[in-house]
N, C-alpha and C. Protein backbone atom coordinates (compact mmCIF):
# COMPACT_ATOMS: atom_id res chain seq x y z
N MET A 1 0.40 -20.58 -4.31
CA MET A 1 0.59 -19.13 -4.74
C MET A 1 -0.34 -18.91 -2.82
N HIS A 2 0.14 -18.07 -1.87
CA HIS A 2 -0.09 -17.19 -0.57
C HIS A 2 -1.68 -16.45 -0.89
N LYS A 3 -2.93 -17.25 -0.67
CA LYS A 3 -4.31 -16.41 -0.57
C LYS A 3 -4.00 -15.44 0.49
N LEU A 4 -4.12 -13.97 0.36
CA LEU A 4 -4.42 -13.64 1.64
C LEU A 4 -5.90 -13.58 2.15
N PRO A 5 -6.22 -13.01 3.34
CA PRO A 5 -7.82 -13.39 3.41
C PRO A 5 -7.87 -11.96 3.55
N ALA A 6 -9.98 -11.97 3.03
CA ALA A 6 -10.14 -10.19 2.99
C ALA A 6 -10.77 -9.75 4.69
N GLY A 7 -10.62 -8.87 4.63
CA GLY A 7 -11.94 -8.77 5.59
C GLY A 7 -10.24 -8.32 6.55
N LYS A 8 -9.36 -7.80 6.06
CA LYS A 8 -8.52 -7.63 7.50
C LYS A 8 -8.38 -6.37 6.97
N ARG A 9 -7.35 -5.64 8.81
CA ARG A 9 -6.97 -4.34 8.19
C ARG A 9 -6.15 -4.14 7.29
N PRO A 10 -5.89 -2.93 6.42
CA PRO A 10 -4.91 -2.81 6.00
C PRO A 10 -3.80 -2.91 6.58
N ILE A 11 -2.39 -2.93 5.93
CA ILE A 11 -1.58 -3.18 6.25
C ILE A 11 -0.65 -1.77 6.10
N ILE A 12 0.38 -1.43 6.33
CA ILE A 12 1.17 -0.06 5.70
C ILE A 12 2.10 -1.36 6.22
N VAL A 13 3.71 -0.84 5.24
CA VAL A 13 5.45 -1.57 4.67
C VAL A 13 5.57 -0.08 4.01
N LYS A 14 6.58 0.09 5.13
CA LYS A 14 8.25 1.35 4.65
C LYS A 14 9.10 0.16 4.37
N ARG A 15 9.44 0.89 2.80
CA ARG A 15 10.25 0.22 2.62
C ARG A 15 11.41 0.97 2.46
N VAL A 16 12.34 0.14 3.90
CA VAL A 16 13.81 0.34 3.71
C VAL A 16 13.93 -1.43 3.99
N GLU A 17 15.51 -0.84 3.79
CA GLU A 17 16.50 -2.44 4.13
C GLU A 17 16.49 -3.07 4.85
N GLY A 18 16.50 -4.19 4.44
CA GLY A 18 16.27 -5.17 5.68
C GLY A 18 14.68 -5.32 5.95
N LYS A 19 14.63 -6.67 7.00
CA LYS A 19 12.93 -6.94 7.17
C LYS A 19 13.07 -6.47 8.64
N GLY A 20 13.56 -6.51 9.18
CA GLY A 20 13.72 -5.79 10.62
C GLY A 20 13.06 -4.77 10.86
N LYS A 21 14.16 -4.30 10.36
CA LYS A 21 13.45 -2.29 10.24
C LYS A 21 12.19 -1.68 9.59
N ALA A 22 11.90 -2.30 8.85
CA ALA A 22 10.69 -2.09 8.43
C ALA A 22 9.53 -2.64 9.52
N ARG A 23 10.16 -3.43 10.32
CA ARG A 23 8.81 -4.38 11.29
C ARG A 23 9.16 -3.33 12.33
N ARG A 24 10.53 -3.16 13.24
CA ARG A 24 10.47 -1.41 13.56
C ARG A 24 9.66 -0.33 13.62
N GLN A 25 10.09 -0.24 11.75
CA GLN A 25 9.16 1.61 11.81
C GLN A 25 7.90 1.26 11.36
N HIS A 26 7.14 0.56 11.64
CA HIS A 26 5.83 0.00 11.73
C HIS A 26 5.07 1.49 12.49
N LYS A 27 4.97 1.56 13.78
CA LYS A 27 4.57 2.65 14.27
C LYS A 27 4.68 3.76 13.71
N GLU A 28 6.37 3.56 13.53
CA GLU A 28 6.39 5.58 13.27
C GLU A 28 6.22 5.51 12.28
N VAL A 29 4.88 4.57 10.70
CA VAL A 29 4.49 5.01 10.35
C VAL A 29 3.07 5.51 10.36
N HIS A 30 2.67 4.82 10.95
CA HIS A 30 1.16 4.79 11.91
C HIS A 30 0.88 6.11 12.10
N ARG A 31 2.11 7.04 12.76
CA ARG A 31 1.41 7.62 13.38
C ARG A 31 1.60 9.01 12.14
N ASN A 32 2.55 9.12 11.08
CA ASN A 32 2.33 9.65 9.92
C ASN A 32 0.73 9.64 8.88
N VAL A 33 -0.06 8.56 9.41
CA VAL A 33 -1.05 8.41 8.41
C VAL A 33 -2.11 8.56 9.16
N LYS A 34 -3.04 8.95 8.31
CA LYS A 34 -4.44 9.28 8.75
C LYS A 34 -5.68 8.95 7.94
N ILE A 35 -6.48 8.33 8.68
CA ILE A 35 -7.40 7.43 7.79
C ILE A 35 -8.92 8.56 7.13
N GLU A 36 -8.70 9.02 5.99
CA GLU A 36 -9.65 10.17 5.62
C GLU A 36 -10.93 10.07 5.98
N ARG A 37 -11.28 9.08 4.93
CA ARG A 37 -12.92 8.08 4.49
C ARG A 37 -12.71 7.22 4.30
N ARG A 38 -13.99 6.35 5.02
CA ARG A 38 -14.18 4.83 4.36
C ARG A 38 -15.53 4.47 3.80
N LEU A 39 -15.16 4.22 2.52
CA LEU A 39 -16.25 3.88 1.63
C LEU A 39 -16.79 1.93 0.98
N ARG A 40 -17.98 2.16 0.76
CA ARG A 40 -17.41 0.55 0.41
C ARG A 40 -16.59 -0.06 -0.40
N SER A 41 -16.35 0.84 -1.82
CA SER A 41 -15.29 0.28 -2.20
C SER A 41 -13.94 0.28 -2.34
N ARG A 42 -13.61 1.81 -0.96
CA ARG A 42 -12.56 2.41 -1.10
C ARG A 42 -12.41 2.80 0.75
N THR A 43 -11.03 2.94 1.17
CA THR A 43 -9.99 3.71 1.42
C THR A 43 -9.21 4.48 1.35
N ILE A 44 -9.73 5.95 1.66
CA ILE A 44 -8.38 6.84 1.57
C ILE A 44 -7.55 7.29 2.40
N PHE A 45 -6.84 7.47 1.98
CA PHE A 45 -5.94 8.20 3.33
C PHE A 45 -4.61 9.16 2.59
N ARG A 46 -4.51 9.59 4.26
CA ARG A 46 -3.85 11.00 3.87
C ARG A 46 -2.69 10.61 4.62
N CYS A 47 -1.35 11.16 3.84
CA CYS A 47 0.08 11.12 4.62
C CYS A 47 0.68 11.97 4.31
N ARG A 48 1.45 12.78 5.70
CA ARG A 48 2.01 13.53 5.68
C ARG A 48 3.29 13.70 5.20
N ARG A 49 4.15 12.50 5.42
CA ARG A 49 5.71 12.25 4.34
C ARG A 49 5.50 11.09 4.07
N GLN A 50 4.74 11.64 2.39
CA GLN A 50 4.46 10.59 1.28
C GLN A 50 5.23 10.19 0.28
N ARG A 51 6.35 10.39 0.93
CA ARG A 51 7.89 10.10 0.32
C ARG A 51 8.09 8.20 0.42
N GLU A 52 8.11 7.85 1.58
CA GLU A 52 8.50 6.89 1.09
C GLU A 52 7.67 5.55 2.26
N THR A 53 6.59 6.09 2.09
CA THR A 53 5.86 5.20 1.97
C THR A 53 4.91 4.96 1.47
N LEU A 54 4.28 3.53 1.62
CA LEU A 54 3.36 2.92 0.37
C LEU A 54 2.12 1.94 1.27
N PHE A 55 1.61 1.80 0.69
CA PHE A 55 0.15 1.10 1.56
C PHE A 55 -0.31 0.06 0.80
N PHE A 56 -1.15 -0.83 1.71
CA PHE A 56 -1.44 -2.19 0.95
C PHE A 56 -2.63 -2.78 1.64
N PHE A 57 -3.59 -3.18 0.95
CA PHE A 57 -5.41 -3.91 1.48
C PHE A 57 -4.31 -5.12 1.53
N LEU A 58 -5.46 -6.17 2.72
CA LEU A 58 -5.02 -7.76 2.87
C LEU A 58 -6.06 -8.18 2.29
N SER A 59 -7.98 -6.98 2.43
CA SER A 59 -8.68 -7.50 0.90
C SER A 59 -7.94 -7.23 -0.38
N ILE A 60 -7.88 -7.60 -1.39
CA ILE A 60 -7.37 -7.42 -2.66
C ILE A 60 -8.38 -6.67 -3.41
N ARG A 61 -10.08 -7.15 -2.91
CA ARG A 61 -10.89 -6.55 -4.86
C ARG A 61 -10.76 -5.30 -4.35
N THR A 62 -10.82 -4.41 -2.93
CA THR A 62 -10.74 -3.35 -2.85
C THR A 62 -9.67 -2.62 -3.42
N PRO A 63 -10.57 -1.14 -4.37
CA PRO A 63 -9.34 -0.07 -4.43
C PRO A 63 -8.02 0.48 -3.44
N LEU A 64 -7.31 0.97 -4.21
CA LEU A 64 -6.65 2.10 -2.94
C LEU A 64 -6.00 2.94 -3.53
N CYS A 65 -6.83 3.96 -2.38
CA CYS A 65 -6.19 5.05 -3.29
C CYS A 65 -5.14 6.22 -2.23
N ILE A 66 -4.00 6.18 -2.46
CA ILE A 66 -3.14 7.26 -2.09
C ILE A 66 -2.70 8.06 -2.63
N TYR A 67 -2.24 9.02 -1.05
CA TYR A 67 -1.37 9.94 -2.17
C TYR A 67 0.08 9.97 -1.83
N PHE A 68 0.92 10.31 -3.28
CA PHE A 68 2.07 10.25 -3.22
C PHE A 68 2.76 10.95 -4.05
N HIS A 69 4.32 11.30 -4.09
CA HIS A 69 4.89 12.79 -4.86
C HIS A 69 4.82 11.85 -6.26
N SER A 70 5.27 10.91 -6.38
CA SER A 70 6.57 10.61 -8.04
C SER A 70 5.66 9.03 -7.63
N VAL A 71 4.56 9.31 -9.60
CA VAL A 71 3.51 8.33 -9.82
C VAL A 71 4.75 7.15 -10.31
N ALA A 72 5.95 7.86 -11.08
CA ALA A 72 7.06 7.16 -11.69
C ALA A 72 8.00 5.77 -10.46
N LYS A 73 8.21 6.91 -10.08
CA LYS A 73 8.40 5.72 -8.69
C LYS A 73 7.55 4.58 -7.53
N LEU A 74 6.56 5.38 -7.87
CA LEU A 74 5.70 4.34 -7.03
C LEU A 74 5.25 2.78 -8.07
N ARG A 75 5.20 3.41 -8.69
CA ARG A 75 5.40 1.87 -9.86
C ARG A 75 6.30 1.28 -9.79
N VAL A 76 7.92 1.64 -9.91
CA VAL A 76 8.78 0.82 -10.17
C VAL A 76 9.12 -0.30 -8.13
N GLN A 77 8.95 0.82 -6.91
CA GLN A 77 8.17 -0.12 -5.83
C GLN A 77 7.76 -0.60 -5.75
N LEU A 78 5.68 -0.91 -6.15
CA LEU A 78 4.93 -1.35 -6.13
C LEU A 78 5.34 -2.91 -6.98
N GLN A 79 6.51 -2.73 -8.64
CA GLN A 79 6.58 -4.17 -8.83
C GLN A 79 7.97 -4.30 -8.41
N CYS A 80 8.18 -4.07 -7.56
CA CYS A 80 10.01 -4.65 -6.72
C CYS A 80 8.45 -5.97 -5.88
N LEU A 81 7.39 -5.18 -4.77
CA LEU A 81 6.22 -5.66 -4.15
C LEU A 81 5.86 -7.23 -4.72
N ARG A 82 6.28 -7.00 -6.68
CA ARG A 82 5.69 -8.53 -7.14
C ARG A 82 3.98 -7.48 -7.08
N VAL A 83 3.05 -6.74 -7.11
CA VAL A 83 1.91 -6.94 -7.13
C VAL A 83 1.41 -6.06 -8.81
N LYS A 84 0.70 -6.59 -9.00
CA LYS A 84 -0.30 -6.46 -10.02
C LYS A 84 -0.71 -5.03 -9.96
N MET A 85 -0.98 -4.26 -11.18
CA MET A 85 -2.00 -3.14 -9.71
C MET A 85 -1.94 -2.46 -11.35
N GLU A 86 -3.12 -1.59 -11.13
CA GLU A 86 -2.97 -0.48 -12.56
C GLU A 86 -2.85 1.00 -11.08
N CYS A 87 -2.53 1.89 -12.18
CA CYS A 87 -1.99 2.83 -11.45
C CYS A 87 -3.00 4.02 -12.34
N GLU A 88 -3.41 4.68 -11.56
CA GLU A 88 -4.15 6.02 -12.62
C GLU A 88 -4.31 7.54 -11.76
N GLN A 89 -3.82 8.57 -12.74
CA GLN A 89 -2.86 9.00 -11.65
C GLN A 89 -4.27 10.52 -11.58
N LYS A 90 -4.75 10.50 -10.37
CA LYS A 90 -6.36 11.35 -10.72
C LYS A 90 -6.06 13.14 -10.62
N SER A 91 -4.67 13.50 -10.05
CA SER A 91 -4.43 14.83 -9.78
C SER A 91 -2.58 14.83 -9.38
N LYS A 92 -1.96 16.22 -9.20
CA LYS A 92 -0.70 15.90 -9.23
C LYS A 92 -0.14 15.26 -8.19
N ARG A 93 -0.94 15.26 -6.64
CA ARG A 93 -0.30 13.91 -5.77
C ARG A 93 -1.21 12.92 -5.45
N PHE A 94 -2.38 13.08 -6.43
CA PHE A 94 -3.71 11.70 -5.98
C PHE A 94 -3.03 10.88 -6.79
N VAL A 95 -3.01 9.18 -6.13
CA VAL A 95 -3.07 8.15 -6.83
C VAL A 95 -4.23 6.84 -6.82
N GLN A 96 -4.16 6.28 -7.63
CA GLN A 96 -5.50 4.93 -7.48
C GLN A 96 -4.52 4.33 -7.81
N ILE A 97 -4.69 3.49 -7.07
CA ILE A 97 -3.80 1.89 -7.63
C ILE A 97 -4.82 0.99 -7.20
N LEU A 98 -4.77 0.08 -8.11
CA LEU A 98 -6.12 -1.36 -8.18
C LEU A 98 -5.34 -2.31 -8.13
N VAL A 99 -4.76 -3.47 -6.75
CA VAL A 99 -4.89 -4.61 -6.62
C VAL A 99 -5.51 -5.15 -6.93
N TRP A 100 -5.64 -6.60 -7.85
CA TRP A 100 -6.05 -7.46 -8.50
C TRP A 100 -5.78 -8.80 -7.09
N GLU A 101 -6.80 -9.40 -7.44
CA GLU A 101 -7.05 -10.75 -6.47
C GLU A 101 -6.31 -11.87 -6.86
N ASN A 102 -5.48 -11.66 -8.46
CA ASN A 102 -4.58 -12.74 -8.92
C ASN A 102 -3.28 -11.71 -9.30
N CYS A 103 -2.95 -11.48 -7.76
CA CYS A 103 -1.51 -11.32 -7.63
C CYS A 103 -0.94 -11.69 -6.74
N SER A 104 0.98 -11.56 -6.78
CA SER A 104 1.34 -13.35 -6.23
C SER A 104 2.26 -11.72 -5.39
N ALA A 105 1.24 -11.80 -4.05
CA ALA A 105 1.66 -10.35 -3.51
C ALA A 105 2.75 -11.31 -2.23
N SER A 106 2.76 -12.24 -2.09
CA SER A 106 3.05 -12.99 -0.70
C SER A 106 4.08 -12.57 -0.26
N GLN A 107 5.24 -11.61 -1.12
CA GLN A 107 6.57 -11.97 -0.82
C GLN A 107 7.24 -10.48 -0.07
N GLY A 108 6.89 -10.24 1.32
CA GLY A 108 7.40 -8.91 1.37
C GLY A 108 5.25 -8.47 2.13
N ILE A 109 4.37 -9.19 1.68
CA ILE A 109 3.33 -8.73 2.66
C ILE A 109 3.38 -9.40 4.11
N SER A 110 2.67 -11.27 3.53
CA SER A 110 2.51 -11.78 4.23
C SER A 110 3.50 -11.92 5.75
N ASP A 111 4.81 -11.63 5.51
CA ASP A 111 5.20 -11.93 6.78
C ASP A 111 5.46 -10.73 7.68
N ARG A 112 3.96 -9.54 7.31
CA ARG A 112 4.96 -8.29 8.11
C ARG A 112 2.52 -7.99 8.66
N ARG A 113 2.45 -8.99 9.39
CA ARG A 113 1.00 -8.79 9.85
C ARG A 113 1.58 -8.58 11.35
């Protein structure tokens, strides 16, 4: 199993068809994302266009808080990326995701650094 290194910057993956497209759209995703605040335990992102944007940490022990439109859609997309996670809905558009250390998330993440 691929171990992701801890302490790296968070990577932002936009789900589009094909690997090349996702890599080309990396900068465009970055422009629409604002890091709200960093704490010891979590980083909170705010995204202007939440519809197709997913956020991941390379430091797997860190909880990940994002804004997203549909919790059910987010669950499906995370399961497609094989991320073992817990999803907790704080309010209508605020979702907290905990990505655990024993997740097999090597596919789809390791090749987009």
